[in-house]
N, C-alpha and C. Protein backbone atom coordinates (compact mmCIF):
# COMPACT_ATOMS: atom_id res chain seq x y z
N UNK A 1 0.82 -1.49 0.21
CA UNK A 1 0.15 0.00 -0.23
C UNK A 1 0.92 1.36 0.18
N UNK A 2 0.56 1.75 -0.43
CA UNK A 2 1.49 3.32 -0.85
C UNK A 2 0.92 4.26 0.23
N UNK A 3 2.05 5.35 0.39
CA UNK A 3 1.92 6.13 1.50
C UNK A 3 0.60 7.27 1.31
N UNK A 4 -0.15 7.60 2.00
CA UNK A 4 -1.04 8.90 1.81
C UNK A 4 -0.70 9.79 2.83
N UNK A 5 -0.89 11.09 2.27
CA UNK A 5 -0.79 12.39 3.35
C UNK A 5 -2.09 12.69 3.85
N UNK A 6 -3.27 12.13 3.62
CA UNK A 6 -4.39 12.51 3.90
C UNK A 6 -4.60 11.95 5.11
N UNK A 7 -5.02 12.70 6.22
CA UNK A 7 -5.47 12.48 7.62
C UNK A 7 -6.97 12.03 7.34
N UNK A 8 -7.31 10.94 7.70
CA UNK A 8 -8.76 10.42 7.83
C UNK A 8 -9.53 10.40 9.25
N UNK A 9 -10.49 10.79 8.99
CA UNK A 9 -11.55 11.31 10.47
C UNK A 9 -12.13 9.71 10.93
N UNK A 10 -12.28 9.77 12.23
CA UNK A 10 -13.25 8.49 12.77
C UNK A 10 -14.44 8.25 11.61
N UNK A 11 -15.15 9.44 11.05
CA UNK A 11 -16.47 9.07 10.34
C UNK A 11 -15.89 8.50 9.10
N UNK A 12 -14.46 8.90 8.30
CA UNK A 12 -14.03 8.38 7.42
C UNK A 12 -14.11 6.75 7.59
N UNK A 13 -12.88 6.42 8.36
CA UNK A 13 -13.15 5.09 8.84
C UNK A 13 -14.67 4.23 9.00
N UNK A 14 -15.20 4.81 9.73
CA UNK A 14 -16.63 4.59 9.73
C UNK A 14 -17.60 3.96 8.45
N UNK A 15 -17.15 5.19 7.49
CA UNK A 15 -17.92 5.02 6.23
C UNK A 15 -17.24 3.80 5.25
N UNK A 16 -15.87 3.96 5.28
CA UNK A 16 -15.06 2.92 4.78
C UNK A 16 -15.22 1.22 5.37
N UNK A 17 -15.52 1.30 6.56
CA UNK A 17 -15.95 0.05 7.11
C UNK A 17 -17.05 -0.38 6.74
N UNK A 18 -18.20 0.31 6.47
CA UNK A 18 -19.65 -0.03 6.37
C UNK A 18 -19.62 -0.39 4.95
N UNK A 19 -18.61 0.38 4.20
CA UNK A 19 -18.76 -0.22 2.67
C UNK A 19 -18.08 -1.52 2.70
N UNK A 20 -17.32 -2.07 3.39
CA UNK A 20 -16.21 -3.28 3.09
C UNK A 20 -16.80 -3.90 4.07
N UNK A 21 -17.66 -3.78 5.14
CA UNK A 21 -18.01 -4.90 5.99
C UNK A 21 -18.05 -6.29 5.87
N UNK A 22 -19.17 -6.72 4.82
CA UNK A 22 -19.49 -7.62 4.12
C UNK A 22 -18.60 -8.61 3.58
N UNK A 23 -17.41 -8.03 3.24
CA UNK A 23 -16.07 -8.57 2.88
C UNK A 23 -15.25 -9.07 3.81
N UNK A 24 -15.20 -8.83 5.33
CA UNK A 24 -14.34 -8.88 6.20
C UNK A 24 -15.06 -10.12 7.03
N UNK A 25 -13.75 -10.90 7.17
CA UNK A 25 -14.17 -12.16 8.07
C UNK A 25 -14.99 -11.64 9.36
N UNK A 26 -15.94 -12.38 9.79
CA UNK A 26 -16.64 -12.21 10.96
C UNK A 26 -15.74 -11.68 12.10
N UNK A 27 -14.54 -12.47 12.56
CA UNK A 27 -13.92 -12.31 13.77
C UNK A 27 -13.48 -10.75 13.93
N UNK A 28 -13.12 -10.41 12.37
CA UNK A 28 -12.46 -8.95 12.49
C UNK A 28 -13.61 -7.97 12.65
N UNK A 29 -14.76 -8.27 11.81
CA UNK A 29 -16.34 -7.21 11.89
C UNK A 29 -15.91 -7.08 13.56
N UNK A 30 -16.12 -8.38 14.58
CA UNK A 30 -16.84 -8.07 15.75
C UNK A 30 -15.87 -7.27 16.48
N UNK A 31 -14.53 -6.92 16.16
CA UNK A 31 -13.71 -5.71 16.75
C UNK A 31 -13.75 -4.76 16.61
N UNK A 32 -14.62 -4.02 15.42
CA UNK A 32 -15.10 -2.96 15.28
C UNK A 32 -16.05 -2.12 16.02
N UNK A 33 -16.83 -2.80 16.69
CA UNK A 33 -17.66 -2.18 17.59
C UNK A 33 -17.01 -1.32 18.56
N UNK A 34 -16.01 -2.19 19.32
CA UNK A 34 -15.44 -1.59 20.47
C UNK A 34 -14.53 -0.27 19.92
N UNK A 35 -13.82 -0.94 18.84
CA UNK A 35 -12.85 0.21 18.04
C UNK A 35 -13.14 1.38 17.98
N UNK A 36 -14.92 1.70 17.54
CA UNK A 36 -15.54 2.89 16.99
C UNK A 36 -15.89 3.61 18.41
N UNK A 37 -15.94 2.61 19.69
CA UNK A 37 -16.50 3.60 20.74
C UNK A 37 -15.54 4.25 21.54
N UNK A 38 -14.34 4.09 21.22
CA UNK A 38 -13.34 4.57 21.64
C UNK A 38 -12.34 6.01 20.70
N UNK A 39 -11.48 6.42 21.47
CA UNK A 39 -10.69 7.45 20.44
C UNK A 39 -9.28 6.75 20.20
N UNK A 40 -8.78 7.29 19.08
CA UNK A 40 -7.43 6.88 18.37
C UNK A 40 -6.67 7.73 18.11
N UNK A 41 -5.24 7.48 17.94
CA UNK A 41 -4.69 8.49 17.49
C UNK A 41 -4.59 8.52 15.81
N UNK A 42 -4.31 9.77 15.38
CA UNK A 42 -4.49 9.91 13.90
C UNK A 42 -3.88 8.88 13.23
N UNK A 43 -2.61 8.44 13.28
CA UNK A 43 -1.94 7.31 12.93
C UNK A 43 -2.60 6.16 12.79
N UNK A 44 -3.36 5.86 14.03
CA UNK A 44 -4.56 4.60 14.05
C UNK A 44 -5.31 4.47 13.22
N UNK A 45 -6.01 5.95 13.00
CA UNK A 45 -7.25 5.98 12.34
C UNK A 45 -6.93 5.85 10.48
N UNK A 46 -5.56 6.37 10.49
CA UNK A 46 -4.96 6.25 8.96
C UNK A 46 -4.92 4.84 8.42
N UNK A 47 -4.06 4.25 9.14
CA UNK A 47 -3.83 2.83 9.28
C UNK A 47 -5.02 1.79 9.11
N UNK A 48 -5.89 2.45 9.79
CA UNK A 48 -7.11 1.08 9.48
C UNK A 48 -7.84 1.53 8.38
N UNK A 49 -8.11 2.98 7.91
CA UNK A 49 -8.49 3.17 6.81
C UNK A 49 -7.79 2.83 5.61
N UNK A 50 -6.50 2.56 5.43
CA UNK A 50 -6.02 2.07 4.42
C UNK A 50 -6.18 0.80 3.96
N UNK A 51 -6.15 0.19 5.42
CA UNK A 51 -6.42 -1.50 5.57
C UNK A 51 -7.66 -2.01 5.02
N UNK A 52 -8.66 -1.17 5.23
CA UNK A 52 -9.83 -1.31 4.35
C UNK A 52 -10.21 -0.62 2.92
N UNK A 53 -9.51 0.24 2.62
CA UNK A 53 -9.63 0.77 1.56
C UNK A 53 -9.28 -0.40 0.28
N UNK A 54 -10.19 -0.37 -0.52
CA UNK A 54 -10.53 -1.67 -1.61
C UNK A 54 -9.99 -2.93 -1.30
N UNK A 55 -10.54 -3.14 0.00
CA UNK A 55 -10.27 -4.51 0.66
C UNK A 55 -11.06 -5.46 -0.19
N UNK A 56 -12.11 -5.15 -0.93
CA UNK A 56 -12.90 -6.16 -1.62
C UNK A 56 -12.47 -6.48 -2.86
N UNK A 57 -11.28 -5.51 -3.53
CA UNK A 57 -10.56 -5.87 -4.59
C UNK A 57 -9.40 -6.44 -4.59
N UNK A 58 -8.93 -7.00 -3.28
CA UNK A 58 -7.55 -7.55 -3.03
C UNK A 58 -7.51 -8.83 -3.20
N UNK A 59 -6.48 -9.31 -3.59
CA UNK A 59 -6.26 -10.89 -3.88
C UNK A 59 -6.43 -11.47 -2.32
N UNK A 60 -6.82 -12.95 -2.17
CA UNK A 60 -6.59 -13.36 -1.34
C UNK A 60 -5.39 -13.49 -0.58
N UNK A 61 -4.12 -13.52 -0.91
CA UNK A 61 -3.08 -13.35 0.14
C UNK A 61 -2.78 -12.03 0.54
N UNK A 62 -3.45 -10.97 -0.37
CA UNK A 62 -3.57 -9.53 0.20
C UNK A 62 -4.20 -9.33 1.13
N UNK A 63 -5.36 -9.99 1.36
CA UNK A 63 -6.64 -9.71 2.32
C UNK A 63 -6.09 -10.65 3.39
N UNK A 64 -5.32 -11.57 3.30
CA UNK A 64 -4.68 -12.47 4.53
C UNK A 64 -3.90 -11.46 5.47
N UNK A 65 -2.89 -10.68 4.41
CA UNK A 65 -1.69 -9.62 5.14
C UNK A 65 -2.92 -8.56 6.16
N UNK A 66 -3.72 -7.99 5.00
CA UNK A 66 -4.51 -7.21 5.75
C UNK A 66 -5.18 -7.41 7.05
N UNK A 67 -5.72 -8.65 7.18
CA UNK A 67 -6.48 -9.52 8.12
C UNK A 67 -5.43 -9.31 9.49
N UNK A 68 -4.60 -9.81 9.23
CA UNK A 68 -3.22 -10.11 10.31
C UNK A 68 -3.37 -8.60 10.60
N UNK A 69 -3.29 -7.87 9.86
CA UNK A 69 -2.67 -6.28 10.29
C UNK A 69 -3.51 -5.71 10.99
N UNK A 70 -5.01 -5.96 10.49
CA UNK A 70 -5.95 -5.34 11.36
C UNK A 70 -6.30 -5.99 12.64
N UNK A 71 -5.85 -7.03 12.40
CA UNK A 71 -6.61 -7.86 13.99
C UNK A 71 -5.33 -7.41 14.75
N UNK A 72 -4.03 -7.12 14.49
CA UNK A 72 -2.94 -6.75 15.29
C UNK A 72 -3.06 -5.18 15.71
N UNK A 73 -3.74 -4.57 14.91
CA UNK A 73 -4.27 -3.10 15.32
C UNK A 73 -5.50 -3.33 16.23
N UNK A 74 -6.62 -3.81 15.76
CA UNK A 74 -7.65 -3.82 16.77
C UNK A 74 -7.80 -4.58 18.00
N UNK A 75 -6.71 -5.63 18.36
CA UNK A 75 -6.41 -6.12 19.57
C UNK A 75 -5.87 -5.18 20.61
N UNK A 76 -5.05 -4.20 19.73
CA UNK A 76 -4.04 -3.83 20.74
C UNK A 76 -4.28 -2.13 20.63
N UNK A 77 -5.42 -1.69 20.43
CA UNK A 77 -5.95 -0.12 20.72
C UNK A 77 -6.90 -0.39 21.99
């Protein structure tokens, strides 16, 4: 994934999650409810946004990498 200099708001992340939710594994979907209940740093918001971005278009190997990264971030925030 390329670098992006745009800061994404919590609302941006929510919208991106809603757009991609049906493609995400259930165990990852369940982590988002608590994620959205808390405040996060800009870096975390940006990272989660970019992991979700075009998730539905990613190849299986890429999805697995994103799933692992999402779990790492969501379990540790």
